């Protein structure tokens, strides 16, 4: 396909933050939109051969629209592709590519930051100082929160791809013992070096989720799974919100059947004010919620842009690169 005749649209460029988009807007016939509301998606795709998107939903109804008849490539500016109907794209001969691995370092270090916060409450201790509590202490220190050492604790990792492997590497640096769960939804036998998910949940002091969202992993951590975990265990999710049964998690936290949880992802993003986990985070001292920012280190966003560009270049040259459909 000729570069000069290629029309590209970037539907939600705001997800790149402060990374320059000049390489998109300057090198190609590329319309850049900071955000695109669902109702505007078909119109903005009209006449375009390539769509770049992060979280904009391209479901069957969108891909069936006559306005999308020229679309040949969906370049997902992310690793996850659950916002694109891959089956519908295949049926229409639309190639879909993603960007694997670009945020492994960023997500892994944020995961460790959440684990460290659960273990040390460093952020909470800082808030005590801002509130004037330290100067009122009768001694040199202030025991505001319980804390524990990570060394010797068991970290269960569910999802052992690029991110899960990086988390394991970092955790071992803290002296943690790493338990790797077999892939959810895949039949036995479990590969050597891995354990059944139930065994990981039973033994781990901290469970960290890094698997994709699929029909097999939706509500993977439900009331039954939570009941297997130790009462003193913690749950961390920097993958997808729907991996966890929200209501079951909140019940476990309220009843202290789980020591704590840290969530960087929710089932709806951005969440409404009445989202159960947002409401619970304002009430419970054993729940930490952050705004889906584990992936967003500037270096990761720059790598993401570079990889999207390389995927489009490969498409122009007729080569397959990071193709998922």
C-alpha atoms as a PDB file:
ATOM      1  CA  UNK A   1       0.000   0.000   0.000  1.00  0.00           C
ATOM      2  CA  UNK A   2       1.332   3.448  -0.897  1.00  0.00           C
ATOM      3  CA  UNK A   3       2.229   5.690   2.017  1.00  0.00           C
ATOM      4  CA  UNK A   4       0.956   8.744   0.125  1.00  0.00           C
ATOM      5  CA  UNK A   5      -2.546   7.285  -0.215  1.00  0.00           C
ATOM      6  CA  UNK A   6      -2.831   6.041   3.347  1.00  0.00           C
ATOM      7  CA  UNK A   7      -5.275   7.860   5.606  1.00  0.00           C
ATOM      8  CA  UNK A   8      -4.834   7.295   9.329  1.00  0.00           C
ATOM      9  CA  UNK A   9      -6.909   8.370  12.293  1.00  0.00           C
ATOM     10  CA  UNK A  10      -5.799   8.317  15.933  1.00  0.00           C
ATOM     11  CA  UNK A  11      -8.976   8.147  17.991  1.00  0.00           C
ATOM     12  CA  UNK A  12      -7.673   8.695  21.548  1.00  0.00           C
ATOM     13  CA  UNK A  13      -4.250  10.314  21.388  1.00  0.00           C
ATOM     14  CA  UNK A  14      -4.618  11.748  24.897  1.00  0.00           C
ATOM     15  CA  UNK A  15      -3.484   8.354  26.172  1.00  0.00           C
ATOM     16  CA  UNK A  16       0.070   9.224  25.094  1.00  0.00           C
ATOM     17  CA  UNK A  17       0.149  12.133  27.538  1.00  0.00           C
ATOM     18  CA  UNK A  18       3.115  14.438  26.992  1.00  0.00           C
ATOM     19  CA  UNK A  19       4.826  12.263  24.351  1.00  0.00           C
ATOM     20  CA  UNK A  20       5.065  14.150  21.047  1.00  0.00           C
ATOM     21  CA  UNK A  21       2.801  12.920  18.264  1.00  0.00           C
ATOM     22  CA  UNK A  22       4.721  14.697  15.514  1.00  0.00           C
ATOM     23  CA  UNK A  23       5.810  11.386  13.979  1.00  0.00           C
ATOM     24  CA  UNK A  24       2.155  10.562  13.362  1.00  0.00           C
ATOM     25  CA  UNK A  25       0.861  13.961  12.331  1.00  0.00           C
ATOM     26  CA  UNK A  26       3.984  14.980  10.402  1.00  0.00           C
ATOM     27  CA  UNK A  27       4.823  11.864   8.417  1.00  0.00           C
ATOM     28  CA  UNK A  28       1.392  10.627   7.367  1.00  0.00           C
ATOM     29  CA  UNK A  29      -2.029  11.907   6.443  1.00  0.00           C
ATOM     30  CA  UNK A  30      -3.118  11.399  10.038  1.00  0.00           C
ATOM     31  CA  UNK A  31      -6.032  13.020  11.841  1.00  0.00           C
ATOM     32  CA  UNK A  32      -5.274  13.145  15.566  1.00  0.00           C
ATOM     33  CA  UNK A  33      -8.133  13.299  18.076  1.00  0.00           C
ATOM     34  CA  UNK A  34      -7.436  13.555  21.773  1.00  0.00           C
ATOM     35  CA  UNK A  35     -10.556  11.564  22.612  1.00  0.00           C
ATOM     36  CA  UNK A  36     -13.471  10.117  20.669  1.00  0.00           C
ATOM     37  CA  UNK A  37     -16.923   9.535  22.092  1.00  0.00           C
ATOM     38  CA  UNK A  38     -18.563   6.246  21.011  1.00  0.00           C
ATOM     39  CA  UNK A  39     -21.148   8.001  18.847  1.00  0.00           C
ATOM     40  CA  UNK A  40     -18.401   9.723  16.834  1.00  0.00           C
ATOM     41  CA  UNK A  41     -16.276   6.651  16.119  1.00  0.00           C
ATOM     42  CA  UNK A  42     -17.832   5.562  12.763  1.00  0.00           C
ATOM     43  CA  UNK A  43     -17.735   9.096  11.355  1.00  0.00           C
ATOM     44  CA  UNK A  44     -14.084   9.548  12.306  1.00  0.00           C
ATOM     45  CA  UNK A  45     -13.185   6.211  10.723  1.00  0.00           C
ATOM     46  CA  UNK A  46     -14.841   7.127   7.427  1.00  0.00           C
ATOM     47  CA  UNK A  47     -12.406   7.028   4.512  1.00  0.00           C
ATOM     48  CA  UNK A  48      -9.515   5.823   6.703  1.00  0.00           C
ATOM     49  CA  UNK A  49      -7.443   2.739   6.052  1.00  0.00           C
ATOM     50  CA  UNK A  50      -5.726   2.690   9.457  1.00  0.00           C
ATOM     51  CA  UNK A  51      -7.148   3.349  12.924  1.00  0.00           C
ATOM     52  CA  UNK A  52      -4.910   3.845  15.936  1.00  0.00           C
ATOM     53  CA  UNK A  53      -6.603   3.457  19.292  1.00  0.00           C
ATOM     54  CA  UNK A  54      -5.941   2.591  22.881  1.00  0.00           C
ATOM     55  CA  UNK A  55      -9.256   2.066  24.660  1.00  0.00           C
ATOM     56  CA  UNK A  56     -11.837   3.133  22.071  1.00  0.00           C
ATOM     57  CA  UNK A  57     -14.228   0.234  21.516  1.00  0.00           C
ATOM     58  CA  UNK A  58     -14.486  -1.208  18.005  1.00  0.00           C
ATOM     59  CA  UNK A  59     -17.211  -3.808  18.385  1.00  0.00           C
ATOM     60  CA  UNK A  60     -19.173  -5.615  15.696  1.00  0.00           C
ATOM     61  CA  UNK A  61     -21.709  -2.802  15.359  1.00  0.00           C
ATOM     62  CA  UNK A  62     -18.944  -0.302  14.603  1.00  0.00           C
ATOM     63  CA  UNK A  63     -17.143  -2.614  12.188  1.00  0.00           C
ATOM     64  CA  UNK A  64     -20.466  -3.308  10.408  1.00  0.00           C
ATOM     65  CA  UNK A  65     -20.986   0.402   9.769  1.00  0.00           C
ATOM     66  CA  UNK A  66     -20.781   1.427   6.072  1.00  0.00           C
ATOM     67  CA  UNK A  67     -18.513   4.283   7.157  1.00  0.00           C
ATOM     68  CA  UNK A  68     -15.801   1.755   8.087  1.00  0.00           C
ATOM     69  CA  UNK A  69     -15.665   0.018   4.691  1.00  0.00           C
ATOM     70  CA  UNK A  70     -12.164   1.325   3.864  1.00  0.00           C
ATOM     71  CA  UNK A  71     -10.552   0.201   7.138  1.00  0.00           C
ATOM     72  CA  UNK A  72      -7.668  -2.247   6.620  1.00  0.00           C
ATOM     73  CA  UNK A  73      -5.638  -2.032   9.840  1.00  0.00           C
ATOM     74  CA  UNK A  74      -6.489  -1.502  13.508  1.00  0.00           C
ATOM     75  CA  UNK A  75      -3.270  -0.550  15.273  1.00  0.00           C
ATOM     76  CA  UNK A  76      -3.986  -1.006  18.966  1.00  0.00           C
ATOM     77  CA  UNK A  77      -1.761   1.247  21.056  1.00  0.00           C
ATOM     78  CA  UNK A  78      -1.749  -1.250  23.906  1.00  0.00           C
ATOM     79  CA  UNK A  79      -1.099  -4.904  24.630  1.00  0.00           C
ATOM     80  CA  UNK A  80      -4.674  -5.880  25.470  1.00  0.00           C
ATOM     81  CA  UNK A  81      -7.138  -6.088  22.586  1.00  0.00           C
ATOM     82  CA  UNK A  82     -10.366  -6.860  24.469  1.00  0.00           C
ATOM     83  CA  UNK A  83     -11.872  -3.567  23.210  1.00  0.00           C
ATOM     84  CA  UNK A  84     -11.765  -4.838  19.601  1.00  0.00           C
ATOM     85  CA  UNK A  85     -14.037  -7.561  18.237  1.00  0.00           C
ATOM     86  CA  UNK A  86     -11.284  -9.687  16.716  1.00  0.00           C
ATOM     87  CA  UNK A  87     -13.685 -12.175  15.144  1.00  0.00           C
ATOM     88  CA  UNK A  88     -15.573  -9.391  13.368  1.00  0.00           C
ATOM     89  CA  UNK A  89     -12.297  -7.848  12.200  1.00  0.00           C
ATOM     90  CA  UNK A  90     -11.112 -11.163  10.740  1.00  0.00           C
ATOM     91  CA  UNK A  91     -14.439 -11.652   8.958  1.00  0.00           C
ATOM     92  CA  UNK A  92     -14.011  -8.272   7.267  1.00  0.00           C
ATOM     93  CA  UNK A  93     -10.356  -8.778   6.364  1.00  0.00           C
ATOM     94  CA  UNK A  94      -9.189  -6.084   8.786  1.00  0.00           C
ATOM     95  CA  UNK A  95      -5.773  -6.763  10.292  1.00  0.00           C
ATOM     96  CA  UNK A  96      -5.344  -6.075  14.012  1.00  0.00           C
ATOM     97  CA  UNK A  97      -1.965  -5.590  15.645  1.00  0.00           C
ATOM     98  CA  UNK A  98      -0.948  -4.723  19.186  1.00  0.00           C
ATOM     99  CA  UNK A  99       2.195  -3.775  21.116  1.00  0.00           C
ATOM    100  CA  UNK A 100       3.340  -6.517  23.488  1.00  0.00           C
ATOM    101  CA  UNK A 101       5.859  -5.940  26.238  1.00  0.00           C
ATOM    102  CA  UNK A 102       6.268  -2.179  25.968  1.00  0.00           C
ATOM    103  CA  UNK A 103       5.172  -1.508  29.574  1.00  0.00           C
ATOM    104  CA  UNK A 104       6.623  -4.551  31.335  1.00  0.00           C
ATOM    105  CA  UNK A 105       9.150  -2.516  33.316  1.00  0.00           C
ATOM    106  CA  UNK A 106       6.653   0.229  34.145  1.00  0.00           C
ATOM    107  CA  UNK A 107       3.855  -2.112  35.263  1.00  0.00           C
ATOM    108  CA  UNK A 108       6.230  -4.361  37.181  1.00  0.00           C
ATOM    109  CA  UNK A 109       7.752  -1.517  39.189  1.00  0.00           C
ATOM    110  CA  UNK A 110       4.288  -0.081  39.901  1.00  0.00           C
ATOM    111  CA  UNK A 111       3.164  -3.525  41.028  1.00  0.00           C
ATOM    112  CA  UNK A 112       6.092  -3.641  43.412  1.00  0.00           C
ATOM    113  CA  UNK A 113       5.216  -0.123  44.594  1.00  0.00           C
ATOM    114  CA  UNK A 114       1.701  -1.330  45.450  1.00  0.00           C
ATOM    115  CA  UNK A 115       3.109  -4.380  47.220  1.00  0.00           C
ATOM    116  CA  UNK A 116       5.506  -2.168  49.174  1.00  0.00           C
ATOM    117  CA  UNK A 117       2.676   0.174  50.112  1.00  0.00           C
ATOM    118  CA  UNK A 118       0.636  -2.754  51.411  1.00  0.00           C
ATOM    119  CA  UNK A 119       3.682  -3.955  53.361  1.00  0.00           C
ATOM    120  CA  UNK A 120       4.919  -0.612  54.729  1.00  0.00           C
ATOM    121  CA  UNK A 121       2.119   1.989  54.379  1.00  0.00           C
ATOM    122  CA  UNK A 122       4.803   4.530  53.429  1.00  0.00           C
ATOM    123  CA  UNK A 123       2.198   6.773  51.802  1.00  0.00           C
ATOM    124  CA  UNK A 124      -0.008   6.592  54.869  1.00  0.00           C
ATOM    125  CA  UNK A 125       2.915   7.469  57.114  1.00  0.00           C
ATOM    126  CA  UNK A 126       3.578  10.530  54.974  1.00  0.00           C
ATOM    127  CA  UNK A 127      -0.050  11.572  55.408  1.00  0.00           C
ATOM    128  CA  UNK A 128       0.367  11.348  59.199  1.00  0.00           C
ATOM    129  CA  UNK A 129       3.204  13.857  58.979  1.00  0.00           C
ATOM    130  CA  UNK A 130       1.182  16.187  56.761  1.00  0.00           C
ATOM    131  CA  UNK A 131      -1.620  15.997  59.291  1.00  0.00           C
ATOM    132  CA  UNK A 132       0.652  17.016  62.167  1.00  0.00           C
ATOM    133  CA  UNK A 133       0.591  13.700  64.012  1.00  0.00           C
ATOM    134  CA  UNK A 134       4.358  13.227  64.312  1.00  0.00           C
ATOM    135  CA  UNK A 135       5.020  16.408  66.271  1.00  0.00           C
ATOM    136  CA  UNK A 136       2.450  15.248  68.808  1.00  0.00           C
ATOM    137  CA  UNK A 137       4.170  11.889  69.350  1.00  0.00           C
ATOM    138  CA  UNK A 138       5.554  11.304  72.893  1.00  0.00           C
ATOM    139  CA  UNK A 139       8.638   9.582  71.406  1.00  0.00           C
ATOM    140  CA  UNK A 140      10.931   9.927  68.417  1.00  0.00           C
ATOM    141  CA  UNK A 141       8.886   7.583  66.202  1.00  0.00           C
ATOM    142  CA  UNK A 142       5.241   7.065  65.389  1.00  0.00           C
ATOM    143  CA  UNK A 143       3.652   3.656  64.960  1.00  0.00           C
ATOM    144  CA  UNK A 144       0.818   4.694  62.712  1.00  0.00           C
ATOM    145  CA  UNK A 145       0.431   1.522  60.639  1.00  0.00           C
ATOM    146  CA  UNK A 146       1.420  -2.132  60.847  1.00  0.00           C
ATOM    147  CA  UNK A 147       4.228  -3.216  58.529  1.00  0.00           C
ATOM    148  CA  UNK A 148       5.988  -6.414  57.564  1.00  0.00           C
ATOM    149  CA  UNK A 149       9.085  -7.493  55.640  1.00  0.00           C
ATOM    150  CA  UNK A 150       8.754  -8.975  52.168  1.00  0.00           C
ATOM    151  CA  UNK A 151      11.808 -11.203  52.546  1.00  0.00           C
ATOM    152  CA  UNK A 152      10.721 -14.807  52.916  1.00  0.00           C
ATOM    153  CA  UNK A 153       7.112 -14.148  51.922  1.00  0.00           C
ATOM    154  CA  UNK A 154       5.435 -16.052  49.091  1.00  0.00           C
ATOM    155  CA  UNK A 155       4.356 -14.067  46.030  1.00  0.00           C
ATOM    156  CA  UNK A 156       1.869 -15.846  43.787  1.00  0.00           C
ATOM    157  CA  UNK A 157       1.915 -14.675  40.168  1.00  0.00           C
ATOM    158  CA  UNK A 158      -1.074 -15.393  37.925  1.00  0.00           C
ATOM    159  CA  UNK A 159      -0.031 -14.648  34.344  1.00  0.00           C
ATOM    160  CA  UNK A 160       3.649 -15.247  33.602  1.00  0.00           C
ATOM    161  CA  UNK A 161       4.190 -13.220  30.451  1.00  0.00           C
ATOM    162  CA  UNK A 162       6.509 -10.232  30.029  1.00  0.00           C
ATOM    163  CA  UNK A 163       5.087  -8.393  33.043  1.00  0.00           C
ATOM    164  CA  UNK A 164       4.732 -11.397  35.323  1.00  0.00           C
ATOM    165  CA  UNK A 165       8.319 -12.422  34.664  1.00  0.00           C
ATOM    166  CA  UNK A 166       9.586  -8.922  35.422  1.00  0.00           C
ATOM    167  CA  UNK A 167       7.579  -8.811  38.676  1.00  0.00           C
ATOM    168  CA  UNK A 168       9.078 -12.169  39.660  1.00  0.00           C
ATOM    169  CA  UNK A 169      12.586 -10.838  39.012  1.00  0.00           C
ATOM    170  CA  UNK A 170      11.983  -7.754  41.133  1.00  0.00           C
ATOM    171  CA  UNK A 171      10.290  -9.729  43.921  1.00  0.00           C
ATOM    172  CA  UNK A 172      13.205 -12.126  44.170  1.00  0.00           C
ATOM    173  CA  UNK A 173      15.415  -9.069  44.650  1.00  0.00           C
ATOM    174  CA  UNK A 174      13.439  -8.408  47.842  1.00  0.00           C
ATOM    175  CA  UNK A 175      14.009 -11.983  48.968  1.00  0.00           C
ATOM    176  CA  UNK A 176      10.514 -13.202  48.151  1.00  0.00           C
ATOM    177  CA  UNK A 177       9.698 -16.764  47.132  1.00  0.00           C
ATOM    178  CA  UNK A 178       7.822 -16.763  43.816  1.00  0.00           C
ATOM    179  CA  UNK A 179       4.981 -19.167  43.033  1.00  0.00           C
ATOM    180  CA  UNK A 180       3.836 -19.273  39.396  1.00  0.00           C
ATOM    181  CA  UNK A 181       0.300 -20.391  38.602  1.00  0.00           C
ATOM    182  CA  UNK A 182      -0.493 -22.517  35.579  1.00  0.00           C
ATOM    183  CA  UNK A 183      -2.307 -20.663  32.794  1.00  0.00           C
ATOM    184  CA  UNK A 184      -5.968 -20.191  33.724  1.00  0.00           C
ATOM    185  CA  UNK A 185      -8.341 -22.076  31.462  1.00  0.00           C
ATOM    186  CA  UNK A 186      -5.669 -24.441  30.117  1.00  0.00           C
ATOM    187  CA  UNK A 187      -6.047 -28.151  30.881  1.00  0.00           C
ATOM    188  CA  UNK A 188      -3.604 -30.271  32.839  1.00  0.00           C
ATOM    189  CA  UNK A 189      -0.848 -31.250  32.931  1.00  0.00           C
ATOM    190  CA  UNK A 190       0.606 -28.124  34.512  1.00  0.00           C
ATOM    191  CA  UNK A 191       4.097 -27.376  33.153  1.00  0.00           C
ATOM    192  CA  UNK A 192       7.109 -27.995  35.392  1.00  0.00           C
ATOM    193  CA  UNK A 193       7.903 -25.099  37.688  1.00  0.00           C
ATOM    194  CA  UNK A 194       4.258 -24.027  37.969  1.00  0.00           C
ATOM    195  CA  UNK A 195       1.465 -24.839  40.388  1.00  0.00           C
ATOM    196  CA  UNK A 196      -2.276 -25.186  40.128  1.00  0.00           C
ATOM    197  CA  UNK A 197      -3.999 -21.861  40.741  1.00  0.00           C
ATOM    198  CA  UNK A 198      -5.728 -23.191  43.861  1.00  0.00           C
ATOM    199  CA  UNK A 199      -2.364 -24.207  45.327  1.00  0.00           C
ATOM    200  CA  UNK A 200      -0.929 -20.760  44.644  1.00  0.00           C
ATOM    201  CA  UNK A 201      -3.913 -19.046  46.246  1.00  0.00           C
ATOM    202  CA  UNK A 202      -3.664 -21.276  49.314  1.00  0.00           C
ATOM    203  CA  UNK A 203       0.053 -20.765  49.875  1.00  0.00           C
ATOM    204  CA  UNK A 204       0.753 -17.178  48.763  1.00  0.00           C
ATOM    205  CA  UNK A 205       1.090 -14.241  51.141  1.00  0.00           C
ATOM    206  CA  UNK A 206       0.513 -11.887  48.196  1.00  0.00           C
ATOM    207  CA  UNK A 207      -1.220 -12.729  44.910  1.00  0.00           C
ATOM    208  CA  UNK A 208      -0.523 -10.522  41.887  1.00  0.00           C
ATOM    209  CA  UNK A 209      -2.592 -10.744  38.697  1.00  0.00           C
ATOM    210  CA  UNK A 210      -0.967 -10.296  35.269  1.00  0.00           C
ATOM    211  CA  UNK A 211      -3.089 -12.439  32.934  1.00  0.00           C
ATOM    212  CA  UNK A 212      -5.200 -11.181  30.011  1.00  0.00           C
ATOM    213  CA  UNK A 213      -8.963 -10.864  30.237  1.00  0.00           C
ATOM    214  CA  UNK A 214     -10.597 -13.755  28.398  1.00  0.00           C
ATOM    215  CA  UNK A 215     -13.802 -15.755  28.868  1.00  0.00           C
ATOM    216  CA  UNK A 216     -11.709 -18.191  30.924  1.00  0.00           C
ATOM    217  CA  UNK A 217     -10.306 -15.496  33.239  1.00  0.00           C
ATOM    218  CA  UNK A 218     -13.381 -13.300  33.758  1.00  0.00           C
ATOM    219  CA  UNK A 219     -14.134 -13.337  37.520  1.00  0.00           C
ATOM    220  CA  UNK A 220     -11.178 -15.686  37.958  1.00  0.00           C
ATOM    221  CA  UNK A 221     -10.838 -14.438  41.532  1.00  0.00           C
ATOM    222  CA  UNK A 222     -14.339 -15.060  42.835  1.00  0.00           C
ATOM    223  CA  UNK A 223     -15.711 -15.899  46.284  1.00  0.00           C
ATOM    224  CA  UNK A 224     -14.389 -19.464  46.057  1.00  0.00           C
ATOM    225  CA  UNK A 225     -10.895 -18.311  45.094  1.00  0.00           C
ATOM    226  CA  UNK A 226     -10.855 -15.647  47.810  1.00  0.00           C
ATOM    227  CA  UNK A 227     -11.891 -18.234  50.402  1.00  0.00           C
ATOM    228  CA  UNK A 228      -8.759 -20.229  49.531  1.00  0.00           C
ATOM    229  CA  UNK A 229      -6.456 -17.318  50.383  1.00  0.00           C
ATOM    230  CA  UNK A 230      -4.938 -16.834  53.813  1.00  0.00           C
ATOM    231  CA  UNK A 231      -6.758 -14.339  56.067  1.00  0.00           C
ATOM    232  CA  UNK A 232      -3.485 -12.387  56.225  1.00  0.00           C
ATOM    233  CA  UNK A 233      -2.930 -12.405  52.457  1.00  0.00           C
ATOM    234  CA  UNK A 234      -3.041  -9.497  50.010  1.00  0.00           C
ATOM    235  CA  UNK A 235      -4.345  -9.255  46.440  1.00  0.00           C
ATOM    236  CA  UNK A 236      -2.859  -6.965  43.767  1.00  0.00           C
ATOM    237  CA  UNK A 237      -4.351  -6.367  40.320  1.00  0.00           C
ATOM    238  CA  UNK A 238      -2.594  -4.331  37.631  1.00  0.00           C
ATOM    239  CA  UNK A 239      -4.062  -6.345  34.733  1.00  0.00           C
ATOM    240  CA  UNK A 240      -7.829  -6.066  34.092  1.00  0.00           C
ATOM    241  CA  UNK A 241     -10.598  -5.190  36.517  1.00  0.00           C
ATOM    242  CA  UNK A 242     -12.946  -7.969  35.429  1.00  0.00           C
ATOM    243  CA  UNK A 243     -10.474 -10.638  36.543  1.00  0.00           C
ATOM    244  CA  UNK A 244     -11.960 -10.145  40.016  1.00  0.00           C
ATOM    245  CA  UNK A 245     -15.533 -10.504  41.242  1.00  0.00           C
ATOM    246  CA  UNK A 246     -15.903  -7.009  42.688  1.00  0.00           C
ATOM    247  CA  UNK A 247     -18.669  -7.795  45.155  1.00  0.00           C
ATOM    248  CA  UNK A 248     -16.870 -10.877  46.454  1.00  0.00           C
ATOM    249  CA  UNK A 249     -13.671  -8.881  46.982  1.00  0.00           C
ATOM    250  CA  UNK A 250     -15.434  -6.123  48.899  1.00  0.00           C
ATOM    251  CA  UNK A 251     -17.153  -8.677  51.158  1.00  0.00           C
ATOM    252  CA  UNK A 252     -13.823 -10.376  51.877  1.00  0.00           C
ATOM    253  CA  UNK A 253     -12.200  -7.039  52.749  1.00  0.00           C
ATOM    254  CA  UNK A 254     -15.080  -5.874  54.935  1.00  0.00           C
ATOM    255  CA  UNK A 255     -15.158  -9.164  56.823  1.00  0.00           C
ATOM    256  CA  UNK A 256     -11.341  -9.162  57.171  1.00  0.00           C
ATOM    257  CA  UNK A 257     -11.136 -12.522  55.420  1.00  0.00           C
ATOM    258  CA  UNK A 258      -8.452 -10.865  53.310  1.00  0.00           C
ATOM    259  CA  UNK A 259      -5.851  -8.552  54.804  1.00  0.00           C
ATOM    260  CA  UNK A 260      -5.882  -6.073  51.960  1.00  0.00           C
ATOM    261  CA  UNK A 261      -5.987  -5.377  48.248  1.00  0.00           C
ATOM    262  CA  UNK A 262      -4.483  -2.901  45.788  1.00  0.00           C
ATOM    263  CA  UNK A 263      -6.276  -2.323  42.475  1.00  0.00           C
ATOM    264  CA  UNK A 264      -4.956  -0.270  39.553  1.00  0.00           C
ATOM    265  CA  UNK A 265      -7.773  -1.430  37.260  1.00  0.00           C
ATOM    266  CA  UNK A 266     -11.557  -1.536  37.546  1.00  0.00           C
ATOM    267  CA  UNK A 267     -14.396  -3.051  35.540  1.00  0.00           C
ATOM    268  CA  UNK A 268     -15.370   0.407  34.231  1.00  0.00           C
ATOM    269  CA  UNK A 269     -12.829   3.136  33.474  1.00  0.00           C
ATOM    270  CA  UNK A 270     -13.094   5.927  34.253  1.00  0.00           C
ATOM    271  CA  UNK A 271     -15.376   4.692  37.017  1.00  0.00           C
ATOM    272  CA  UNK A 272     -18.628   6.355  38.029  1.00  0.00           C
ATOM    273  CA  UNK A 273     -18.668   7.897  41.489  1.00  0.00           C
ATOM    274  CA  UNK A 274     -20.872   5.060  42.693  1.00  0.00           C
ATOM    275  CA  UNK A 275     -18.590   2.273  41.447  1.00  0.00           C
ATOM    276  CA  UNK A 276     -18.479  -0.266  44.308  1.00  0.00           C
ATOM    277  CA  UNK A 277     -14.683  -0.256  44.579  1.00  0.00           C
ATOM    278  CA  UNK A 278     -14.475   3.543  44.510  1.00  0.00           C
ATOM    279  CA  UNK A 279     -17.026   3.740  47.322  1.00  0.00           C
ATOM    280  CA  UNK A 280     -15.264   0.970  49.243  1.00  0.00           C
ATOM    281  CA  UNK A 281     -11.850   2.643  48.862  1.00  0.00           C
ATOM    282  CA  UNK A 282     -13.235   5.709  50.657  1.00  0.00           C
ATOM    283  CA  UNK A 283     -14.481   3.582  53.544  1.00  0.00           C
ATOM    284  CA  UNK A 284     -12.013   0.728  53.984  1.00  0.00           C
ATOM    285  CA  UNK A 285      -8.459   1.105  55.259  1.00  0.00           C
ATOM    286  CA  UNK A 286      -7.411  -2.192  53.654  1.00  0.00           C
ATOM    287  CA  UNK A 287      -8.199  -1.214  50.062  1.00  0.00           C
ATOM    288  CA  UNK A 288      -6.016   0.940  47.806  1.00  0.00           C
ATOM    289  CA  UNK A 289      -7.255   1.978  44.348  1.00  0.00           C
ATOM    290  CA  UNK A 290      -5.081   3.810  41.802  1.00  0.00           C
ATOM    291  CA  UNK A 291      -6.267   5.179  38.404  1.00  0.00           C
ATOM    292  CA  UNK A 292      -4.939   2.635  35.861  1.00  0.00           C
ATOM    293  CA  UNK A 293      -1.531   4.292  35.741  1.00  0.00           C
ATOM    294  CA  UNK A 294       0.863   1.354  36.242  1.00  0.00           C
ATOM    295  CA  UNK A 295       1.671   1.304  32.515  1.00  0.00           C
ATOM    296  CA  UNK A 296       2.245   5.014  32.077  1.00  0.00           C
ATOM    297  CA  UNK A 297       5.925   5.719  32.769  1.00  0.00           C
ATOM    298  CA  UNK A 298       7.095   8.165  30.108  1.00  0.00           C
ATOM    299  CA  UNK A 299       9.646   5.704  28.756  1.00  0.00           C
ATOM    300  CA  UNK A 300       6.888   3.128  28.296  1.00  0.00           C
ATOM    301  CA  UNK A 301       4.673   5.594  26.432  1.00  0.00           C
ATOM    302  CA  UNK A 302       7.570   6.502  24.131  1.00  0.00           C
ATOM    303  CA  UNK A 303       8.212   2.816  23.405  1.00  0.00           C
ATOM    304  CA  UNK A 304       4.513   2.388  22.725  1.00  0.00           C
ATOM    305  CA  UNK A 305       4.486   5.169  20.135  1.00  0.00           C
ATOM    306  CA  UNK A 306       7.609   3.801  18.451  1.00  0.00           C
ATOM    307  CA  UNK A 307       6.131   0.316  18.235  1.00  0.00           C
ATOM    308  CA  UNK A 308       2.805   1.534  16.815  1.00  0.00           C
ATOM    309  CA  UNK A 309       4.748   3.343  14.103  1.00  0.00           C
ATOM    310  CA  UNK A 310       6.754   0.204  13.296  1.00  0.00           C
ATOM    311  CA  UNK A 311       3.532  -1.824  13.091  1.00  0.00           C
ATOM    312  CA  UNK A 312       2.083   0.638  10.581  1.00  0.00           C
ATOM    313  CA  UNK A 313       5.311   0.693   8.550  1.00  0.00           C
ATOM    314  CA  UNK A 314       5.248  -3.109   8.395  1.00  0.00           C
ATOM    315  CA  UNK A 315       1.647  -3.018   7.192  1.00  0.00           C
ATOM    316  CA  UNK A 316       2.529  -0.546   4.433  1.00  0.00           C
ATOM    317  CA  UNK A 317       5.325  -2.871   3.279  1.00  0.00           C
ATOM    318  CA  UNK A 318       3.031  -5.888   3.320  1.00  0.00           C
ATOM    319  CA  UNK A 319       4.741  -7.527   6.307  1.00  0.00           C
ATOM    320  CA  UNK A 320       3.021  -8.960   9.365  1.00  0.00           C
ATOM    321  CA  UNK A 321       4.180  -7.573  12.687  1.00  0.00           C
ATOM    322  CA  UNK A 322       2.536  -8.144  16.104  1.00  0.00           C
ATOM    323  CA  UNK A 323      -0.582  -9.401  14.339  1.00  0.00           C
ATOM    324  CA  UNK A 324      -3.343 -10.723  16.602  1.00  0.00           C
ATOM    325  CA  UNK A 325      -6.098 -10.965  13.966  1.00  0.00           C
END
